[in-house]
mmCIF file of all heavy atoms, coordinates in Angstrom:
data_MODEL
# 
_entry.id   MODEL 
# 
loop_
_atom_site.group_PDB 
_atom_site.id 
_atom_site.type_symbol 
_atom_site.label_atom_id 
_atom_site.label_alt_id 
_atom_site.label_comp_id 
_atom_site.label_asym_id 
_atom_site.label_entity_id 
_atom_site.label_seq_id 
_atom_site.pdbx_PDB_ins_code 
_atom_site.Cartn_x 
_atom_site.Cartn_y 
_atom_site.Cartn_z 
_atom_site.occupancy 
_atom_site.B_iso_or_equiv 
_atom_site.pdbx_formal_charge 
_atom_site.auth_seq_id 
_atom_site.auth_comp_id 
_atom_site.auth_asym_id 
_atom_site.auth_atom_id 
_atom_site.pdbx_PDB_model_num 
ATOM 1   N N   . ASP A 1 1  ? 0.827  -1.205  0.000   1.00 0.00 ? 1  ASP A N   1 
ATOM 2   C CA  . ASP A 1 1  ? 0.000  0.000   0.000   1.00 0.00 ? 1  ASP A CA  1 
ATOM 3   C C   . ASP A 1 1  ? 0.864  1.258   0.000   1.00 0.00 ? 1  ASP A C   1 
ATOM 4   O O   . ASP A 1 1  ? 0.587  2.210   -0.737  1.00 0.00 ? 1  ASP A O   1 
ATOM 5   C CB  . ASP A 1 1  ? -0.947 -0.011  1.210   1.00 0.00 ? 1  ASP A CB  1 
ATOM 6   C CG  . ASP A 1 1  ? -1.833 1.208   1.238   1.00 0.00 ? 1  ASP A CG  1 
ATOM 7   O OD1 . ASP A 1 1  ? -2.650 1.374   0.315   1.00 0.00 ? 1  ASP A OD1 1 
ATOM 8   O OD2 . ASP A 1 1  ? -1.700 2.013   2.197   1.00 0.00 ? 1  ASP A OD2 1 
ATOM 9   N N   . MET A 1 2  ? 1.900  1.263   0.814   1.00 0.00 ? 2  MET A N   1 
ATOM 10  C CA  . MET A 1 2  ? 2.773  2.434   0.885   1.00 0.00 ? 2  MET A CA  1 
ATOM 11  C C   . MET A 1 2  ? 3.470  2.679   -0.453  1.00 0.00 ? 2  MET A C   1 
ATOM 12  O O   . MET A 1 2  ? 3.610  3.823   -0.886  1.00 0.00 ? 2  MET A O   1 
ATOM 13  C CB  . MET A 1 2  ? 3.807  2.283   2.007   1.00 0.00 ? 2  MET A CB  1 
ATOM 14  C CG  . MET A 1 2  ? 4.770  3.457   2.131   1.00 0.00 ? 2  MET A CG  1 
ATOM 15  S SD  . MET A 1 2  ? 3.972  5.093   2.344   1.00 0.00 ? 2  MET A SD  1 
ATOM 16  C CE  . MET A 1 2  ? 3.289  4.907   3.975   1.00 0.00 ? 2  MET A CE  1 
ATOM 17  N N   . ALA A 1 3  ? 3.907  1.627   -1.114  1.00 0.00 ? 3  ALA A N   1 
ATOM 18  C CA  . ALA A 1 3  ? 4.551  1.789   -2.423  1.00 0.00 ? 3  ALA A CA  1 
ATOM 19  C C   . ALA A 1 3  ? 3.600  2.475   -3.405  1.00 0.00 ? 3  ALA A C   1 
ATOM 20  O O   . ALA A 1 3  ? 4.011  3.367   -4.154  1.00 0.00 ? 3  ALA A O   1 
ATOM 21  C CB  . ALA A 1 3  ? 5.010  0.438   -2.964  1.00 0.00 ? 3  ALA A CB  1 
ATOM 22  N N   . GLY A 1 4  ? 2.339  2.087   -3.376  1.00 0.00 ? 4  GLY A N   1 
ATOM 23  C CA  . GLY A 1 4  ? 1.351  2.722   -4.242  1.00 0.00 ? 4  GLY A CA  1 
ATOM 24  C C   . GLY A 1 4  ? 1.066  4.159   -3.872  1.00 0.00 ? 4  GLY A C   1 
ATOM 25  O O   . GLY A 1 4  ? 0.778  4.985   -4.742  1.00 0.00 ? 4  GLY A O   1 
ATOM 26  N N   . ARG A 1 5  ? 1.146  4.474   -2.608  1.00 0.00 ? 5  ARG A N   1 
ATOM 27  C CA  . ARG A 1 5  ? 0.936  5.858   -2.173  1.00 0.00 ? 5  ARG A CA  1 
ATOM 28  C C   . ARG A 1 5  ? 2.127  6.735   -2.539  1.00 0.00 ? 5  ARG A C   1 
ATOM 29  O O   . ARG A 1 5  ? 1.964  7.924   -2.826  1.00 0.00 ? 5  ARG A O   1 
ATOM 30  C CB  . ARG A 1 5  ? 0.667  5.903   -0.670  1.00 0.00 ? 5  ARG A CB  1 
ATOM 31  C CG  . ARG A 1 5  ? -0.688 5.287   -0.348  1.00 0.00 ? 5  ARG A CG  1 
ATOM 32  C CD  . ARG A 1 5  ? -1.084 5.244   1.101   1.00 0.00 ? 5  ARG A CD  1 
ATOM 33  N NE  . ARG A 1 5  ? -0.397 6.084   2.029   1.00 0.00 ? 5  ARG A NE  1 
ATOM 34  C CZ  . ARG A 1 5  ? -0.237 5.809   3.309   1.00 0.00 ? 5  ARG A CZ  1 
ATOM 35  N NH1 . ARG A 1 5  ? -0.707 4.683   3.806   1.00 0.00 ? 5  ARG A NH1 1 
ATOM 36  N NH2 . ARG A 1 5  ? 0.389  6.633   4.107   1.00 0.00 ? 5  ARG A NH2 1 
ATOM 37  N N   . LEU A 1 6  ? 3.324  6.164   -2.514  1.00 0.00 ? 6  LEU A N   1 
ATOM 38  C CA  . LEU A 1 6  ? 4.519  6.935   -2.869  1.00 0.00 ? 6  LEU A CA  1 
ATOM 39  C C   . LEU A 1 6  ? 4.680  7.108   -4.380  1.00 0.00 ? 6  LEU A C   1 
ATOM 40  O O   . LEU A 1 6  ? 5.153  8.149   -4.839  1.00 0.00 ? 6  LEU A O   1 
ATOM 41  C CB  . LEU A 1 6  ? 5.780  6.255   -2.310  1.00 0.00 ? 6  LEU A CB  1 
ATOM 42  C CG  . LEU A 1 6  ? 5.913  6.196   -0.798  1.00 0.00 ? 6  LEU A CG  1 
ATOM 43  C CD1 . LEU A 1 6  ? 7.117  5.349   -0.406  1.00 0.00 ? 6  LEU A CD1 1 
ATOM 44  C CD2 . LEU A 1 6  ? 6.027  7.593   -0.206  1.00 0.00 ? 6  LEU A CD2 1 
ATOM 45  N N   . ALA A 1 7  ? 4.330  6.076   -5.133  1.00 0.00 ? 7  ALA A N   1 
ATOM 46  C CA  . ALA A 1 7  ? 4.543  6.072   -6.579  1.00 0.00 ? 7  ALA A CA  1 
ATOM 47  C C   . ALA A 1 7  ? 3.243  5.688   -7.281  1.00 0.00 ? 7  ALA A C   1 
ATOM 48  O O   . ALA A 1 7  ? 2.860  4.518   -7.287  1.00 0.00 ? 7  ALA A O   1 
ATOM 49  C CB  . ALA A 1 7  ? 5.655  5.096   -6.947  1.00 0.00 ? 7  ALA A CB  1 
ATOM 50  N N   . ALA A 1 8  ? 2.578  6.670   -7.873  1.00 0.00 ? 8  ALA A N   1 
ATOM 51  C CA  . ALA A 1 8  ? 1.282  6.431   -8.518  1.00 0.00 ? 8  ALA A CA  1 
ATOM 52  C C   . ALA A 1 8  ? 1.375  5.391   -9.628  1.00 0.00 ? 8  ALA A C   1 
ATOM 53  O O   . ALA A 1 8  ? 0.403  4.694   -9.903  1.00 0.00 ? 8  ALA A O   1 
ATOM 54  C CB  . ALA A 1 8  ? 0.722  7.744   -9.064  1.00 0.00 ? 8  ALA A CB  1 
ATOM 55  N N   . GLN A 1 9  ? 2.523  5.246   -10.250 1.00 0.00 ? 9  GLN A N   1 
ATOM 56  C CA  . GLN A 1 9  ? 2.656  4.288   -11.348 1.00 0.00 ? 9  GLN A CA  1 
ATOM 57  C C   . GLN A 1 9  ? 2.887  2.850   -10.862 1.00 0.00 ? 9  GLN A C   1 
ATOM 58  O O   . GLN A 1 9  ? 2.885  1.928   -11.666 1.00 0.00 ? 9  GLN A O   1 
ATOM 59  C CB  . GLN A 1 9  ? 3.766  4.710   -12.305 1.00 0.00 ? 9  GLN A CB  1 
ATOM 60  C CG  . GLN A 1 9  ? 5.165  4.544   -11.734 1.00 0.00 ? 9  GLN A CG  1 
ATOM 61  C CD  . GLN A 1 9  ? 6.219  5.333   -12.474 1.00 0.00 ? 9  GLN A CD  1 
ATOM 62  O OE1 . GLN A 1 9  ? 6.445  6.478   -12.154 1.00 0.00 ? 9  GLN A OE1 1 
ATOM 63  N NE2 . GLN A 1 9  ? 6.844  4.714   -13.438 1.00 0.00 ? 9  GLN A NE2 1 
ATOM 64  N N   . TYR A 1 10 ? 3.060  2.660   -9.562  1.00 0.00 ? 10 TYR A N   1 
ATOM 65  C CA  . TYR A 1 10 ? 3.194  1.305   -9.025  1.00 0.00 ? 10 TYR A CA  1 
ATOM 66  C C   . TYR A 1 10 ? 1.804  0.678   -8.942  1.00 0.00 ? 10 TYR A C   1 
ATOM 67  O O   . TYR A 1 10 ? 0.903  1.221   -8.319  1.00 0.00 ? 10 TYR A O   1 
ATOM 68  C CB  . TYR A 1 10 ? 3.855  1.305   -7.641  1.00 0.00 ? 10 TYR A CB  1 
ATOM 69  C CG  . TYR A 1 10 ? 3.747  -0.051  -6.978  1.00 0.00 ? 10 TYR A CG  1 
ATOM 70  C CD1 . TYR A 1 10 ? 4.541  -1.104  -7.408  1.00 0.00 ? 10 TYR A CD1 1 
ATOM 71  C CD2 . TYR A 1 10 ? 2.805  -0.300  -6.003  1.00 0.00 ? 10 TYR A CD2 1 
ATOM 72  C CE1 . TYR A 1 10 ? 4.419  -2.370  -6.849  1.00 0.00 ? 10 TYR A CE1 1 
ATOM 73  C CE2 . TYR A 1 10 ? 2.665  -1.551  -5.431  1.00 0.00 ? 10 TYR A CE2 1 
ATOM 74  C CZ  . TYR A 1 10 ? 3.470  -2.575  -5.867  1.00 0.00 ? 10 TYR A CZ  1 
ATOM 75  O OH  . TYR A 1 10 ? 3.331  -3.827  -5.329  1.00 0.00 ? 10 TYR A OH  1 
ATOM 76  N N   . HIS A 1 11 ? 1.651  -0.484  -9.572  1.00 0.00 ? 11 HIS A N   1 
ATOM 77  C CA  . HIS A 1 11 ? 0.355  -1.164  -9.575  1.00 0.00 ? 11 HIS A CA  1 
ATOM 78  C C   . HIS A 1 11 ? 0.492  -2.643  -9.249  1.00 0.00 ? 11 HIS A C   1 
ATOM 79  O O   . HIS A 1 11 ? -0.213 -3.479  -9.791  1.00 0.00 ? 11 HIS A O   1 
ATOM 80  C CB  . HIS A 1 11 ? -0.329 -0.995  -10.931 1.00 0.00 ? 11 HIS A CB  1 
ATOM 81  C CG  . HIS A 1 11 ? -0.627 0.422   -11.273 1.00 0.00 ? 11 HIS A CG  1 
ATOM 82  N ND1 . HIS A 1 11 ? -1.580 1.161   -10.621 1.00 0.00 ? 11 HIS A ND1 1 
ATOM 83  C CD2 . HIS A 1 11 ? -0.060 1.254   -12.172 1.00 0.00 ? 11 HIS A CD2 1 
ATOM 84  C CE1 . HIS A 1 11 ? -1.608 2.385   -11.115 1.00 0.00 ? 11 HIS A CE1 1 
ATOM 85  N NE2 . HIS A 1 11 ? -0.698 2.469   -12.057 1.00 0.00 ? 11 HIS A NE2 1 
ATOM 86  N N   . GLY A 1 12 ? 1.403  -2.972  -8.356  1.00 0.00 ? 12 GLY A N   1 
ATOM 87  C CA  . GLY A 1 12 ? 1.563  -4.356  -7.940  1.00 0.00 ? 12 GLY A CA  1 
ATOM 88  C C   . GLY A 1 12 ? 2.639  -5.068  -8.734  1.00 0.00 ? 12 GLY A C   1 
ATOM 89  O O   . GLY A 1 12 ? 3.289  -4.493  -9.604  1.00 0.00 ? 12 GLY A O   1 
ATOM 90  N N   . GLY A 1 13 ? 2.814  -6.329  -8.407  1.00 0.00 ? 13 GLY A N   1 
ATOM 91  C CA  . GLY A 1 13 ? 3.817  -7.142  -9.070  1.00 0.00 ? 13 GLY A CA  1 
ATOM 92  C C   . GLY A 1 13 ? 4.576  -7.990  -8.061  1.00 0.00 ? 13 GLY A C   1 
ATOM 93  O O   . GLY A 1 13 ? 4.299  -7.966  -6.861  1.00 0.00 ? 13 GLY A O   1 
ATOM 94  N N   . TYR A 1 14 ? 5.523  -8.720  -8.560  1.00 0.00 ? 14 TYR A N   1 
ATOM 95  C CA  . TYR A 1 14 ? 6.338  -9.606  -7.729  1.00 0.00 ? 14 TYR A CA  1 
ATOM 96  C C   . TYR A 1 14 ? 7.399  -8.792  -6.999  1.00 0.00 ? 14 TYR A C   1 
ATOM 97  O O   . TYR A 1 14 ? 8.029  -7.908  -7.584  1.00 0.00 ? 14 TYR A O   1 
ATOM 98  C CB  . TYR A 1 14 ? 6.999  -10.666 -8.611  1.00 0.00 ? 14 TYR A CB  1 
ATOM 99  C CG  . TYR A 1 14 ? 7.728  -11.723 -7.837  1.00 0.00 ? 14 TYR A CG  1 
ATOM 100 C CD1 . TYR A 1 14 ? 7.034  -12.777 -7.251  1.00 0.00 ? 14 TYR A CD1 1 
ATOM 101 C CD2 . TYR A 1 14 ? 9.104  -11.666 -7.671  1.00 0.00 ? 14 TYR A CD2 1 
ATOM 102 C CE1 . TYR A 1 14 ? 7.697  -13.754 -6.533  1.00 0.00 ? 14 TYR A CE1 1 
ATOM 103 C CE2 . TYR A 1 14 ? 9.778  -12.644 -6.958  1.00 0.00 ? 14 TYR A CE2 1 
ATOM 104 C CZ  . TYR A 1 14 ? 9.071  -13.677 -6.389  1.00 0.00 ? 14 TYR A CZ  1 
ATOM 105 O OH  . TYR A 1 14 ? 9.726  -14.641 -5.671  1.00 0.00 ? 14 TYR A OH  1 
ATOM 106 N N   . TRP A 1 15 ? 7.612  -9.101  -5.732  1.00 0.00 ? 15 TRP A N   1 
ATOM 107 C CA  . TRP A 1 15 ? 8.610  -8.401  -4.929  1.00 0.00 ? 15 TRP A CA  1 
ATOM 108 C C   . TRP A 1 15 ? 9.751  -9.348  -4.577  1.00 0.00 ? 15 TRP A C   1 
ATOM 109 O O   . TRP A 1 15 ? 9.529  -10.527 -4.294  1.00 0.00 ? 15 TRP A O   1 
ATOM 110 C CB  . TRP A 1 15 ? 7.981  -7.860  -3.645  1.00 0.00 ? 15 TRP A CB  1 
ATOM 111 C CG  . TRP A 1 15 ? 7.145  -6.628  -3.872  1.00 0.00 ? 15 TRP A CG  1 
ATOM 112 C CD1 . TRP A 1 15 ? 6.065  -6.511  -4.693  1.00 0.00 ? 15 TRP A CD1 1 
ATOM 113 C CD2 . TRP A 1 15 ? 7.319  -5.350  -3.261  1.00 0.00 ? 15 TRP A CD2 1 
ATOM 114 N NE1 . TRP A 1 15 ? 5.554  -5.241  -4.627  1.00 0.00 ? 15 TRP A NE1 1 
ATOM 115 C CE2 . TRP A 1 15 ? 6.311  -4.508  -3.750  1.00 0.00 ? 15 TRP A CE2 1 
ATOM 116 C CE3 . TRP A 1 15 ? 8.219  -4.848  -2.339  1.00 0.00 ? 15 TRP A CE3 1 
ATOM 117 C CZ2 . TRP A 1 15 ? 6.172  -3.184  -3.363  1.00 0.00 ? 15 TRP A CZ2 1 
ATOM 118 C CZ3 . TRP A 1 15 ? 8.086  -3.534  -1.932  1.00 0.00 ? 15 TRP A CZ3 1 
ATOM 119 C CH2 . TRP A 1 15 ? 7.084  -2.707  -2.451  1.00 0.00 ? 15 TRP A CH2 1 
ATOM 120 N N   . LEU A 1 16 ? 10.940 -8.807  -4.556  1.00 0.00 ? 16 LEU A N   1 
ATOM 121 C CA  . LEU A 1 16 ? 12.133 -9.536  -4.129  1.00 0.00 ? 16 LEU A CA  1 
ATOM 122 C C   . LEU A 1 16 ? 12.343 -9.297  -2.640  1.00 0.00 ? 16 LEU A C   1 
ATOM 123 O O   . LEU A 1 16 ? 12.086 -8.195  -2.142  1.00 0.00 ? 16 LEU A O   1 
ATOM 124 C CB  . LEU A 1 16 ? 13.355 -9.052  -4.917  1.00 0.00 ? 16 LEU A CB  1 
ATOM 125 C CG  . LEU A 1 16 ? 13.252 -9.197  -6.430  1.00 0.00 ? 16 LEU A CG  1 
ATOM 126 C CD1 . LEU A 1 16 ? 14.418 -8.479  -7.112  1.00 0.00 ? 16 LEU A CD1 1 
ATOM 127 C CD2 . LEU A 1 16 ? 13.207 -10.657 -6.829  1.00 0.00 ? 16 LEU A CD2 1 
ATOM 128 N N   . PHE A 1 17 ? 12.803 -10.314 -1.932  1.00 0.00 ? 17 PHE A N   1 
ATOM 129 C CA  . PHE A 1 17 ? 13.073 -10.218 -0.501  1.00 0.00 ? 17 PHE A CA  1 
ATOM 130 C C   . PHE A 1 17 ? 14.582 -10.242 -0.295  1.00 0.00 ? 17 PHE A C   1 
ATOM 131 O O   . PHE A 1 17 ? 15.277 -11.055 -0.917  1.00 0.00 ? 17 PHE A O   1 
ATOM 132 C CB  . PHE A 1 17 ? 12.460 -11.398 0.254   1.00 0.00 ? 17 PHE A CB  1 
ATOM 133 C CG  . PHE A 1 17 ? 10.955 -11.406 0.329   1.00 0.00 ? 17 PHE A CG  1 
ATOM 134 C CD1 . PHE A 1 17 ? 10.166 -10.466 -0.313  1.00 0.00 ? 17 PHE A CD1 1 
ATOM 135 C CD2 . PHE A 1 17 ? 10.317 -12.392 1.062   1.00 0.00 ? 17 PHE A CD2 1 
ATOM 136 C CE1 . PHE A 1 17 ? 8.785  -10.498 -0.227  1.00 0.00 ? 17 PHE A CE1 1 
ATOM 137 C CE2 . PHE A 1 17 ? 8.938  -12.441 1.159   1.00 0.00 ? 17 PHE A CE2 1 
ATOM 138 C CZ  . PHE A 1 17 ? 8.168  -11.497 0.515   1.00 0.00 ? 17 PHE A CZ  1 
ATOM 139 N N   . TYR A 1 18 ? 15.055 -9.386  0.603   1.00 0.00 ? 18 TYR A N   1 
ATOM 140 C CA  . TYR A 1 18 ? 16.480 -9.285  0.881   1.00 0.00 ? 18 TYR A CA  1 
ATOM 141 C C   . TYR A 1 18 ? 16.754 -9.450  2.376   1.00 0.00 ? 18 TYR A C   1 
ATOM 142 O O   . TYR A 1 18 ? 16.114 -8.801  3.208   1.00 0.00 ? 18 TYR A O   1 
ATOM 143 C CB  . TYR A 1 18 ? 17.032 -7.926  0.429   1.00 0.00 ? 18 TYR A CB  1 
ATOM 144 C CG  . TYR A 1 18 ? 16.974 -7.760  -1.063  1.00 0.00 ? 18 TYR A CG  1 
ATOM 145 C CD1 . TYR A 1 18 ? 15.895 -7.126  -1.673  1.00 0.00 ? 18 TYR A CD1 1 
ATOM 146 C CD2 . TYR A 1 18 ? 18.002 -8.250  -1.874  1.00 0.00 ? 18 TYR A CD2 1 
ATOM 147 C CE1 . TYR A 1 18 ? 15.840 -6.985  -3.047  1.00 0.00 ? 18 TYR A CE1 1 
ATOM 148 C CE2 . TYR A 1 18 ? 17.942 -8.108  -3.254  1.00 0.00 ? 18 TYR A CE2 1 
ATOM 149 C CZ  . TYR A 1 18 ? 16.871 -7.472  -3.829  1.00 0.00 ? 18 TYR A CZ  1 
ATOM 150 O OH  . TYR A 1 18 ? 16.810 -7.349  -5.196  1.00 0.00 ? 18 TYR A OH  1 
ATOM 151 N N   . ALA A 1 19 ? 17.719 -10.294 2.679   1.00 0.00 ? 19 ALA A N   1 
ATOM 152 C CA  . ALA A 1 19 ? 18.229 -10.454 4.049   1.00 0.00 ? 19 ALA A CA  1 
ATOM 153 C C   . ALA A 1 19 ? 19.494 -9.620  4.145   1.00 0.00 ? 19 ALA A C   1 
ATOM 154 O O   . ALA A 1 19 ? 20.366 -9.683  3.268   1.00 0.00 ? 19 ALA A O   1 
ATOM 155 C CB  . ALA A 1 19 ? 18.542 -11.921 4.326   1.00 0.00 ? 19 ALA A CB  1 
ATOM 156 N N   . LEU A 1 20 ? 19.593 -8.829  5.184   1.00 0.00 ? 20 LEU A N   1 
ATOM 157 C CA  . LEU A 1 20 ? 20.763 -7.977  5.376   1.00 0.00 ? 20 LEU A CA  1 
ATOM 158 C C   . LEU A 1 20 ? 21.755 -8.641  6.327   1.00 0.00 ? 20 LEU A C   1 
ATOM 159 O O   . LEU A 1 20 ? 21.360 -9.372  7.240   1.00 0.00 ? 20 LEU A O   1 
ATOM 160 C CB  . LEU A 1 20 ? 20.333 -6.615  5.932   1.00 0.00 ? 20 LEU A CB  1 
ATOM 161 C CG  . LEU A 1 20 ? 19.319 -5.849  5.076   1.00 0.00 ? 20 LEU A CG  1 
ATOM 162 C CD1 . LEU A 1 20 ? 18.957 -4.523  5.744   1.00 0.00 ? 20 LEU A CD1 1 
ATOM 163 C CD2 . LEU A 1 20 ? 19.843 -5.634  3.668   1.00 0.00 ? 20 LEU A CD2 1 
ATOM 164 N N   . SER A 1 21 ? 23.017 -8.355  6.119   1.00 0.00 ? 21 SER A N   1 
ATOM 165 C CA  . SER A 1 21 ? 24.070 -8.990  6.927   1.00 0.00 ? 21 SER A CA  1 
ATOM 166 C C   . SER A 1 21 ? 24.003 -8.598  8.397   1.00 0.00 ? 21 SER A C   1 
ATOM 167 O O   . SER A 1 21 ? 24.573 -9.286  9.245   1.00 0.00 ? 21 SER A O   1 
ATOM 168 C CB  . SER A 1 21 ? 25.452 -8.670  6.351   1.00 0.00 ? 21 SER A CB  1 
ATOM 169 O OG  . SER A 1 21 ? 25.676 -7.270  6.325   1.00 0.00 ? 21 SER A OG  1 
ATOM 170 N N   . ASN A 1 22 ? 23.286 -7.530  8.726   1.00 0.00 ? 22 ASN A N   1 
ATOM 171 C CA  . ASN A 1 22 ? 23.132 -7.114  10.119  1.00 0.00 ? 22 ASN A CA  1 
ATOM 172 C C   . ASN A 1 22 ? 21.865 -7.672  10.764  1.00 0.00 ? 22 ASN A C   1 
ATOM 173 O O   . ASN A 1 22 ? 21.514 -7.309  11.884  1.00 0.00 ? 22 ASN A O   1 
ATOM 174 C CB  . ASN A 1 22 ? 23.165 -5.582  10.224  1.00 0.00 ? 22 ASN A CB  1 
ATOM 175 C CG  . ASN A 1 22 ? 21.992 -4.914  9.524   1.00 0.00 ? 22 ASN A CG  1 
ATOM 176 O OD1 . ASN A 1 22 ? 21.161 -5.561  8.892   1.00 0.00 ? 22 ASN A OD1 1 
ATOM 177 N ND2 . ASN A 1 22 ? 21.937 -3.593  9.615   1.00 0.00 ? 22 ASN A ND2 1 
ATOM 178 N N   . GLY A 1 23 ? 21.149 -8.548  10.046  1.00 0.00 ? 23 GLY A N   1 
ATOM 179 C CA  . GLY A 1 23 ? 19.912 -9.126  10.566  1.00 0.00 ? 23 GLY A CA  1 
ATOM 180 C C   . GLY A 1 23 ? 18.659 -8.444  10.061  1.00 0.00 ? 23 GLY A C   1 
ATOM 181 O O   . GLY A 1 23 ? 17.555 -8.866  10.386  1.00 0.00 ? 23 GLY A O   1 
ATOM 182 N N   . GLY A 1 24 ? 18.819 -7.395  9.274   1.00 0.00 ? 24 GLY A N   1 
ATOM 183 C CA  . GLY A 1 24 ? 17.675 -6.665  8.742   1.00 0.00 ? 24 GLY A CA  1 
ATOM 184 C C   . GLY A 1 24 ? 17.040 -7.354  7.547   1.00 0.00 ? 24 GLY A C   1 
ATOM 185 O O   . GLY A 1 24 ? 17.549 -8.345  7.025   1.00 0.00 ? 24 GLY A O   1 
# 
């Protein structure tokens, strides 16, 4: 939802997940 509020041209799709070396 936030992505759509920030960028009007965002209309869904596949998302990539990232693990950060600090645990994030």
